[in-house]
Amino acid sequence: MRHLGKLALFVALLGAVALALILFGARLGLWQPITGFGLYRTLFNPLGAIILVVGVVALIVHLIRKERTGAILGGVATLLGAACLMPLVAGTLNPPLRAPPIHDISTDLANPPAFEVIDDTRAGARNPLEYGGREVAAAQAAAYPDIAPLQTDLAPDAAYQRALAVAQDMGWEIVASDAERRRFEATARTPVFYFADDVVVVVTEQANGSRVDMRGVSRVGGSDQGVNAARIRDFQQRFDN
């Protein structure tokens, strides 16, 4: 019993490392993002619960035995377990809005920008790059009515260079760029799980400046959970700042 606190802390640290690997293992090249997400859905909360229970047991035992060091170690393990379960608690108390079952978001619903270099052979892809048509457009319009082309008074070439710089600042991998046609294709990744979304940006000349269109397609999943729409908003906000 004397070393229960140490054991609890060891279990907590080992569990925390395992949970970190679940979240960021794809970034380290250990597995595909969908594998990490699957591990998260099946193991994350049980591991957090185990850490919490072991920590609480150690804390109570050492408090009863008046063993200060063991109680402190048990308390630390308890806090780590509670922290691991916070996403579950937050999601239970404040359930997120259900995102529509679409993963292809475009600022131009009538003529979505097409991919010319990135194709369906991209690593880990389960979703095609061909646009889904009016059904997808209607679902996007209902869910994200604010997603629209970016209008700017910049000259077309300047707007293209600005768009490319913003994409690079956001950490996208530029796969292909064509300054003459003012278009580029890139891959953006989520910080957690490292999911890949493919992006195409096209700048067209307008009477009083330029129009910047953008389209993002997730490689896996029926729903992107709003990630592509959020990325478009972030891109447009950065572009204007």
C-alpha atoms as a PDB file:
ATOM      1  CA  MET A   1       0.000   0.000   0.000  1.00  0.00           C
ATOM      2  CA  ARG A   2       2.906   2.333   0.716  1.00  0.00           C
ATOM      3  CA  HIS A   3       3.778   2.619  -2.970  1.00  0.00           C
ATOM      4  CA  LEU A   4       0.224   2.870  -4.269  1.00  0.00           C
ATOM      5  CA  GLY A   5       0.639   6.577  -4.995  1.00  0.00           C
ATOM      6  CA  LYS A   6       3.741   5.935  -7.087  1.00  0.00           C
ATOM      7  CA  LEU A   7       1.925   3.184  -8.952  1.00  0.00           C
ATOM      8  CA  ALA A   8      -1.041   5.488  -9.585  1.00  0.00           C
ATOM      9  CA  LEU A   9       1.215   8.219 -10.934  1.00  0.00           C
ATOM     10  CA  PHE A  10       3.052   5.718 -13.144  1.00  0.00           C
ATOM     11  CA  VAL A  11      -0.264   4.471 -14.541  1.00  0.00           C
ATOM     12  CA  ALA A  12      -1.396   8.065 -15.095  1.00  0.00           C
ATOM     13  CA  LEU A  13       1.774   9.064 -16.934  1.00  0.00           C
ATOM     14  CA  LEU A  14       1.752   5.901 -19.031  1.00  0.00           C
ATOM     15  CA  GLY A  15      -1.912   6.475 -19.861  1.00  0.00           C
ATOM     16  CA  ALA A  16      -1.278  10.125 -20.712  1.00  0.00           C
ATOM     17  CA  VAL A  17       1.463   9.102 -23.146  1.00  0.00           C
ATOM     18  CA  ALA A  18      -0.893   6.568 -24.735  1.00  0.00           C
ATOM     19  CA  LEU A  19      -3.615   9.215 -25.079  1.00  0.00           C
ATOM     20  CA  ALA A  20      -1.155  11.670 -26.632  1.00  0.00           C
ATOM     21  CA  LEU A  21      -0.135   9.036 -29.161  1.00  0.00           C
ATOM     22  CA  ILE A  22      -3.790   8.447 -30.034  1.00  0.00           C
ATOM     23  CA  LEU A  23      -4.232  12.157 -30.764  1.00  0.00           C
ATOM     24  CA  PHE A  24      -0.918  12.824 -32.530  1.00  0.00           C
ATOM     25  CA  GLY A  25       0.319   9.403 -33.697  1.00  0.00           C
ATOM     26  CA  ALA A  26      -0.571  10.144 -37.321  1.00  0.00           C
ATOM     27  CA  ARG A  27       1.572  13.294 -37.223  1.00  0.00           C
ATOM     28  CA  LEU A  28       4.469  11.076 -36.084  1.00  0.00           C
ATOM     29  CA  GLY A  29       3.840   8.686 -38.972  1.00  0.00           C
ATOM     30  CA  LEU A  30       2.679   5.803 -36.761  1.00  0.00           C
ATOM     31  CA  TRP A  31      -0.621   5.277 -38.597  1.00  0.00           C
ATOM     32  CA  GLN A  32      -3.215   6.903 -40.838  1.00  0.00           C
ATOM     33  CA  PRO A  33      -5.389   9.646 -39.252  1.00  0.00           C
ATOM     34  CA  ILE A  34      -8.507   7.472 -39.453  1.00  0.00           C
ATOM     35  CA  THR A  35      -6.734   4.840 -37.325  1.00  0.00           C
ATOM     36  CA  GLY A  36      -5.977   7.380 -34.605  1.00  0.00           C
ATOM     37  CA  PHE A  37      -9.571   8.588 -34.698  1.00  0.00           C
ATOM     38  CA  GLY A  38     -10.799   5.005 -34.332  1.00  0.00           C
ATOM     39  CA  LEU A  39      -8.516   4.482 -31.328  1.00  0.00           C
ATOM     40  CA  TYR A  40      -9.842   7.712 -29.845  1.00  0.00           C
ATOM     41  CA  ARG A  41     -13.449   6.572 -30.121  1.00  0.00           C
ATOM     42  CA  THR A  42     -12.755   3.169 -28.544  1.00  0.00           C
ATOM     43  CA  LEU A  43      -9.932   3.763 -26.048  1.00  0.00           C
ATOM     44  CA  PHE A  44      -9.638   7.421 -25.059  1.00  0.00           C
ATOM     45  CA  ASN A  45     -12.451   7.616 -22.499  1.00  0.00           C
ATOM     46  CA  PRO A  46     -11.811   4.133 -20.971  1.00  0.00           C
ATOM     47  CA  LEU A  47      -8.130   5.005 -20.499  1.00  0.00           C
ATOM     48  CA  GLY A  48      -9.074   8.315 -18.896  1.00  0.00           C
ATOM     49  CA  ALA A  49     -11.494   6.513 -16.573  1.00  0.00           C
ATOM     50  CA  ILE A  50      -8.826   3.994 -15.548  1.00  0.00           C
ATOM     51  CA  ILE A  51      -6.377   6.787 -14.731  1.00  0.00           C
ATOM     52  CA  LEU A  52      -9.042   8.593 -12.692  1.00  0.00           C
ATOM     53  CA  VAL A  53     -10.122   5.506 -10.725  1.00  0.00           C
ATOM     54  CA  VAL A  54      -6.559   4.448  -9.909  1.00  0.00           C
ATOM     55  CA  GLY A  55      -5.741   7.983  -8.812  1.00  0.00           C
ATOM     56  CA  VAL A  56      -8.813   8.291  -6.596  1.00  0.00           C
ATOM     57  CA  VAL A  57      -8.140   4.908  -4.935  1.00  0.00           C
ATOM     58  CA  ALA A  58      -4.533   5.872  -4.238  1.00  0.00           C
ATOM     59  CA  LEU A  59      -5.578   9.268  -2.919  1.00  0.00           C
ATOM     60  CA  ILE A  60      -8.176   7.815  -0.527  1.00  0.00           C
ATOM     61  CA  VAL A  61      -5.910   5.035   0.752  1.00  0.00           C
ATOM     62  CA  HIS A  62      -3.014   7.380   1.470  1.00  0.00           C
ATOM     63  CA  LEU A  63      -5.282   9.936   3.116  1.00  0.00           C
ATOM     64  CA  ILE A  64      -6.626   7.242   5.410  1.00  0.00           C
ATOM     65  CA  ARG A  65      -3.083   6.095   6.188  1.00  0.00           C
ATOM     66  CA  LYS A  66      -1.980   9.735   6.568  1.00  0.00           C
ATOM     67  CA  GLU A  67       0.809   9.285   4.050  1.00  0.00           C
ATOM     68  CA  ARG A  68       1.315  12.756   2.654  1.00  0.00           C
ATOM     69  CA  THR A  69       3.621  11.945  -0.265  1.00  0.00           C
ATOM     70  CA  GLY A  70       1.431   9.088  -1.479  1.00  0.00           C
ATOM     71  CA  ALA A  71      -1.678  11.274  -1.200  1.00  0.00           C
ATOM     72  CA  ILE A  72      -0.016  13.969  -3.288  1.00  0.00           C
ATOM     73  CA  LEU A  73       0.954  11.461  -5.989  1.00  0.00           C
ATOM     74  CA  GLY A  74      -2.566  10.018  -5.951  1.00  0.00           C
ATOM     75  CA  GLY A  75      -3.980  13.517  -6.234  1.00  0.00           C
ATOM     76  CA  VAL A  76      -1.809  14.281  -9.248  1.00  0.00           C
ATOM     77  CA  ALA A  77      -2.948  11.045 -10.912  1.00  0.00           C
ATOM     78  CA  THR A  78      -6.568  11.958 -10.144  1.00  0.00           C
ATOM     79  CA  LEU A  79      -6.150  15.375 -11.747  1.00  0.00           C
ATOM     80  CA  LEU A  80      -4.602  13.824 -14.856  1.00  0.00           C
ATOM     81  CA  GLY A  81      -7.491  11.377 -15.150  1.00  0.00           C
ATOM     82  CA  ALA A  82     -10.046  14.146 -14.700  1.00  0.00           C
ATOM     83  CA  ALA A  83      -8.301  16.246 -17.354  1.00  0.00           C
ATOM     84  CA  CYS A  84      -8.420  13.340 -19.811  1.00  0.00           C
ATOM     85  CA  LEU A  85     -12.180  13.030 -19.269  1.00  0.00           C
ATOM     86  CA  MET A  86     -12.914  16.745 -19.675  1.00  0.00           C
ATOM     87  CA  PRO A  87     -13.800  16.442 -23.407  1.00  0.00           C
ATOM     88  CA  LEU A  88     -16.373  13.772 -22.515  1.00  0.00           C
ATOM     89  CA  VAL A  89     -17.852  15.899 -19.730  1.00  0.00           C
ATOM     90  CA  ALA A  90     -17.919  19.033 -21.898  1.00  0.00           C
ATOM     91  CA  GLY A  91     -19.562  17.159 -24.761  1.00  0.00           C
ATOM     92  CA  THR A  92     -22.197  15.737 -22.419  1.00  0.00           C
ATOM     93  CA  LEU A  93     -23.045  19.075 -20.791  1.00  0.00           C
ATOM     94  CA  ASN A  94     -22.911  21.073 -24.020  1.00  0.00           C
ATOM     95  CA  PRO A  95     -23.446  18.755 -27.011  1.00  0.00           C
ATOM     96  CA  PRO A  96     -21.964  20.214 -30.218  1.00  0.00           C
ATOM     97  CA  LEU A  97     -24.254  21.049 -33.096  1.00  0.00           C
ATOM     98  CA  ARG A  98     -24.478  18.174 -35.536  1.00  0.00           C
ATOM     99  CA  ALA A  99     -22.617  18.995 -38.730  1.00  0.00           C
ATOM    100  CA  PRO A 100     -24.241  18.110 -42.070  1.00  0.00           C
ATOM    101  CA  PRO A 101     -23.048  14.888 -43.760  1.00  0.00           C
ATOM    102  CA  ILE A 102     -20.918  16.687 -46.353  1.00  0.00           C
ATOM    103  CA  HIS A 103     -17.152  16.962 -46.709  1.00  0.00           C
ATOM    104  CA  ASP A 104     -16.814  19.121 -49.846  1.00  0.00           C
ATOM    105  CA  ILE A 105     -17.183  22.879 -49.290  1.00  0.00           C
ATOM    106  CA  SER A 106     -16.870  25.515 -52.017  1.00  0.00           C
ATOM    107  CA  THR A 107     -17.272  29.286 -52.196  1.00  0.00           C
ATOM    108  CA  ASP A 108     -18.719  28.815 -55.688  1.00  0.00           C
ATOM    109  CA  LEU A 109     -21.664  26.416 -55.710  1.00  0.00           C
ATOM    110  CA  ALA A 110     -22.505  27.002 -59.363  1.00  0.00           C
ATOM    111  CA  ASN A 111     -19.018  26.296 -60.693  1.00  0.00           C
ATOM    112  CA  PRO A 112     -16.859  24.758 -57.932  1.00  0.00           C
ATOM    113  CA  PRO A 113     -13.100  25.042 -58.597  1.00  0.00           C
ATOM    114  CA  ALA A 114     -11.755  21.757 -59.967  1.00  0.00           C
ATOM    115  CA  PHE A 115      -8.603  19.941 -58.936  1.00  0.00           C
ATOM    116  CA  GLU A 116      -6.147  19.478 -61.789  1.00  0.00           C
ATOM    117  CA  VAL A 117      -3.039  18.107 -60.078  1.00  0.00           C
ATOM    118  CA  ILE A 118      -4.243  16.481 -56.872  1.00  0.00           C
ATOM    119  CA  ASP A 119      -6.245  13.390 -57.790  1.00  0.00           C
ATOM    120  CA  ASP A 120      -7.985  10.384 -56.254  1.00  0.00           C
ATOM    121  CA  THR A 121      -4.654   8.585 -55.736  1.00  0.00           C
ATOM    122  CA  ARG A 122      -3.789  10.894 -52.799  1.00  0.00           C
ATOM    123  CA  ALA A 123      -2.698   8.983 -49.693  1.00  0.00           C
ATOM    124  CA  GLY A 124      -5.457   7.599 -47.486  1.00  0.00           C
ATOM    125  CA  ALA A 125      -8.265   9.067 -49.607  1.00  0.00           C
ATOM    126  CA  ARG A 126     -11.704   7.499 -49.470  1.00  0.00           C
ATOM    127  CA  ASN A 127     -13.658  10.478 -50.806  1.00  0.00           C
ATOM    128  CA  PRO A 128     -13.514  11.403 -54.512  1.00  0.00           C
ATOM    129  CA  LEU A 129     -12.627  14.864 -55.769  1.00  0.00           C
ATOM    130  CA  GLU A 130     -15.520  15.043 -58.220  1.00  0.00           C
ATOM    131  CA  TYR A 131     -18.101  17.503 -56.927  1.00  0.00           C
ATOM    132  CA  GLY A 132     -21.351  15.946 -55.682  1.00  0.00           C
ATOM    133  CA  GLY A 133     -23.653  18.343 -57.547  1.00  0.00           C
ATOM    134  CA  ARG A 134     -26.852  20.074 -56.533  1.00  0.00           C
ATOM    135  CA  GLU A 135     -27.513  17.881 -53.499  1.00  0.00           C
ATOM    136  CA  VAL A 136     -24.188  18.826 -51.912  1.00  0.00           C
ATOM    137  CA  ALA A 137     -24.643  22.466 -52.902  1.00  0.00           C
ATOM    138  CA  ALA A 138     -28.092  22.592 -51.290  1.00  0.00           C
ATOM    139  CA  ALA A 139     -26.806  20.979 -48.083  1.00  0.00           C
ATOM    140  CA  GLN A 140     -23.945  23.481 -47.899  1.00  0.00           C
ATOM    141  CA  ALA A 141     -26.199  26.469 -48.557  1.00  0.00           C
ATOM    142  CA  ALA A 142     -28.479  25.378 -45.718  1.00  0.00           C
ATOM    143  CA  ALA A 143     -25.675  24.648 -43.241  1.00  0.00           C
ATOM    144  CA  TYR A 144     -23.152  27.364 -44.116  1.00  0.00           C
ATOM    145  CA  PRO A 145     -24.988  30.261 -45.799  1.00  0.00           C
ATOM    146  CA  ASP A 146     -22.077  32.614 -45.039  1.00  0.00           C
ATOM    147  CA  ILE A 147     -19.601  30.738 -47.242  1.00  0.00           C
ATOM    148  CA  ALA A 148     -19.176  32.886 -50.354  1.00  0.00           C
ATOM    149  CA  PRO A 149     -16.445  34.125 -52.721  1.00  0.00           C
ATOM    150  CA  LEU A 150     -13.977  36.660 -51.366  1.00  0.00           C
ATOM    151  CA  GLN A 151     -14.196  39.991 -53.185  1.00  0.00           C
ATOM    152  CA  THR A 152     -11.104  42.216 -53.030  1.00  0.00           C
ATOM    153  CA  ASP A 153     -10.008  45.448 -54.661  1.00  0.00           C
ATOM    154  CA  LEU A 154      -6.514  44.006 -55.175  1.00  0.00           C
ATOM    155  CA  ALA A 155      -5.332  43.497 -58.744  1.00  0.00           C
ATOM    156  CA  PRO A 156      -5.538  39.825 -59.824  1.00  0.00           C
ATOM    157  CA  ASP A 157      -1.795  39.115 -59.604  1.00  0.00           C
ATOM    158  CA  ALA A 158      -1.540  40.809 -56.215  1.00  0.00           C
ATOM    159  CA  ALA A 159      -4.586  38.898 -54.958  1.00  0.00           C
ATOM    160  CA  TYR A 160      -3.042  35.623 -56.109  1.00  0.00           C
ATOM    161  CA  GLN A 161       0.233  36.338 -54.316  1.00  0.00           C
ATOM    162  CA  ARG A 162      -1.689  37.377 -51.210  1.00  0.00           C
ATOM    163  CA  ALA A 163      -3.752  34.168 -51.282  1.00  0.00           C
ATOM    164  CA  LEU A 164      -0.623  32.041 -51.701  1.00  0.00           C
ATOM    165  CA  ALA A 165       1.094  33.809 -48.797  1.00  0.00           C
ATOM    166  CA  VAL A 166      -1.927  33.297 -46.537  1.00  0.00           C
ATOM    167  CA  ALA A 167      -2.040  29.602 -47.393  1.00  0.00           C
ATOM    168  CA  GLN A 168       1.635  29.235 -46.534  1.00  0.00           C
ATOM    169  CA  ASP A 169       1.163  31.136 -43.264  1.00  0.00           C
ATOM    170  CA  MET A 170      -1.633  28.702 -42.372  1.00  0.00           C
ATOM    171  CA  GLY A 171       0.785  25.828 -42.810  1.00  0.00           C
ATOM    172  CA  TRP A 172      -0.697  24.293 -45.938  1.00  0.00           C
ATOM    173  CA  GLU A 173       1.481  22.124 -48.148  1.00  0.00           C
ATOM    174  CA  ILE A 174       1.447  23.751 -51.570  1.00  0.00           C
ATOM    175  CA  VAL A 175       1.218  20.886 -54.044  1.00  0.00           C
ATOM    176  CA  ALA A 176       1.025  22.891 -57.279  1.00  0.00           C
ATOM    177  CA  SER A 177       0.877  26.586 -58.163  1.00  0.00           C
ATOM    178  CA  ASP A 178       0.276  28.362 -61.456  1.00  0.00           C
ATOM    179  CA  ALA A 179       0.913  32.106 -61.262  1.00  0.00           C
ATOM    180  CA  GLU A 180      -0.082  32.659 -64.876  1.00  0.00           C
ATOM    181  CA  ARG A 181      -3.541  31.163 -64.329  1.00  0.00           C
ATOM    182  CA  ARG A 182      -3.664  32.412 -60.736  1.00  0.00           C
ATOM    183  CA  ARG A 183      -4.541  29.098 -59.107  1.00  0.00           C
ATOM    184  CA  PHE A 184      -2.922  26.704 -56.676  1.00  0.00           C
ATOM    185  CA  GLU A 185      -3.672  23.391 -54.995  1.00  0.00           C
ATOM    186  CA  ALA A 186      -2.636  22.478 -51.481  1.00  0.00           C
ATOM    187  CA  THR A 187      -3.142  20.039 -48.638  1.00  0.00           C
ATOM    188  CA  ALA A 188      -4.155  21.279 -45.188  1.00  0.00           C
ATOM    189  CA  ARG A 189      -4.071  19.103 -42.076  1.00  0.00           C
ATOM    190  CA  THR A 190      -5.930  19.257 -38.781  1.00  0.00           C
ATOM    191  CA  PRO A 191      -3.748  19.720 -35.669  1.00  0.00           C
ATOM    192  CA  VAL A 192      -5.391  16.751 -33.900  1.00  0.00           C
ATOM    193  CA  PHE A 193      -5.461  13.358 -35.669  1.00  0.00           C
ATOM    194  CA  TYR A 194      -3.692  15.031 -38.641  1.00  0.00           C
ATOM    195  CA  PHE A 195      -6.589  14.542 -41.066  1.00  0.00           C
ATOM    196  CA  ALA A 196      -5.790  15.774 -44.585  1.00  0.00           C
ATOM    197  CA  ASP A 197      -8.080  18.069 -46.558  1.00  0.00           C
ATOM    198  CA  ASP A 198      -7.257  19.015 -50.145  1.00  0.00           C
ATOM    199  CA  VAL A 199      -7.742  22.637 -51.155  1.00  0.00           C
ATOM    200  CA  VAL A 200      -7.859  24.493 -54.462  1.00  0.00           C
ATOM    201  CA  VAL A 201      -7.800  28.303 -54.688  1.00  0.00           C
ATOM    202  CA  VAL A 202      -8.556  30.256 -57.868  1.00  0.00           C
ATOM    203  CA  VAL A 203      -8.295  34.026 -58.394  1.00  0.00           C
ATOM    204  CA  THR A 204     -10.286  35.649 -61.198  1.00  0.00           C
ATOM    205  CA  GLU A 205     -10.225  39.212 -62.465  1.00  0.00           C
ATOM    206  CA  GLN A 206     -13.223  41.441 -61.762  1.00  0.00           C
ATOM    207  CA  ALA A 207     -14.161  44.912 -62.935  1.00  0.00           C
ATOM    208  CA  ASN A 208     -13.017  46.562 -59.708  1.00  0.00           C
ATOM    209  CA  GLY A 209     -10.459  44.086 -58.451  1.00  0.00           C
ATOM    210  CA  SER A 210     -10.479  40.319 -58.012  1.00  0.00           C
ATOM    211  CA  ARG A 211     -12.529  37.414 -56.788  1.00  0.00           C
ATOM    212  CA  VAL A 212     -10.946  34.611 -54.760  1.00  0.00           C
ATOM    213  CA  ASP A 213     -12.695  31.238 -54.781  1.00  0.00           C
ATOM    214  CA  MET A 214     -11.728  28.287 -52.646  1.00  0.00           C
ATOM    215  CA  ARG A 215     -12.815  24.694 -52.274  1.00  0.00           C
ATOM    216  CA  GLY A 216     -11.853  22.169 -49.589  1.00  0.00           C
ATOM    217  CA  VAL A 217     -12.435  18.392 -49.735  1.00  0.00           C
ATOM    218  CA  SER A 218     -11.749  16.007 -46.851  1.00  0.00           C
ATOM    219  CA  ARG A 219     -10.070  12.741 -47.757  1.00  0.00           C
ATOM    220  CA  VAL A 220     -12.104  10.612 -45.344  1.00  0.00           C
ATOM    221  CA  GLY A 221     -15.451  10.812 -43.566  1.00  0.00           C
ATOM    222  CA  GLY A 222     -18.986  11.474 -44.672  1.00  0.00           C
ATOM    223  CA  SER A 223     -18.954  14.688 -42.646  1.00  0.00           C
ATOM    224  CA  ASP A 224     -15.979  17.000 -42.106  1.00  0.00           C
ATOM    225  CA  GLN A 225     -17.540  18.289 -38.846  1.00  0.00           C
ATOM    226  CA  GLY A 226     -17.434  21.830 -40.208  1.00  0.00           C
ATOM    227  CA  VAL A 227     -13.644  21.884 -40.610  1.00  0.00           C
ATOM    228  CA  ASN A 228     -13.566  22.995 -44.263  1.00  0.00           C
ATOM    229  CA  ALA A 229     -16.063  25.804 -43.704  1.00  0.00           C
ATOM    230  CA  ALA A 230     -14.089  26.999 -40.687  1.00  0.00           C
ATOM    231  CA  ARG A 231     -10.873  26.903 -42.731  1.00  0.00           C
ATOM    232  CA  ILE A 232     -12.444  29.025 -45.488  1.00  0.00           C
ATOM    233  CA  ARG A 233     -13.594  31.592 -42.934  1.00  0.00           C
ATOM    234  CA  ASP A 234     -10.126  31.679 -41.365  1.00  0.00           C
ATOM    235  CA  PHE A 235      -8.469  32.049 -44.772  1.00  0.00           C
ATOM    236  CA  GLN A 236     -10.735  34.922 -45.789  1.00  0.00           C
ATOM    237  CA  GLN A 237     -10.270  36.717 -42.472  1.00  0.00           C
ATOM    238  CA  ARG A 238      -6.491  36.438 -42.726  1.00  0.00           C
ATOM    239  CA  PHE A 239      -6.595  37.606 -46.334  1.00  0.00           C
ATOM    240  CA  ASP A 240      -8.422  40.808 -45.361  1.00  0.00           C
ATOM    241  CA  ASN A 241      -6.183  41.582 -42.367  1.00  0.00           C
END
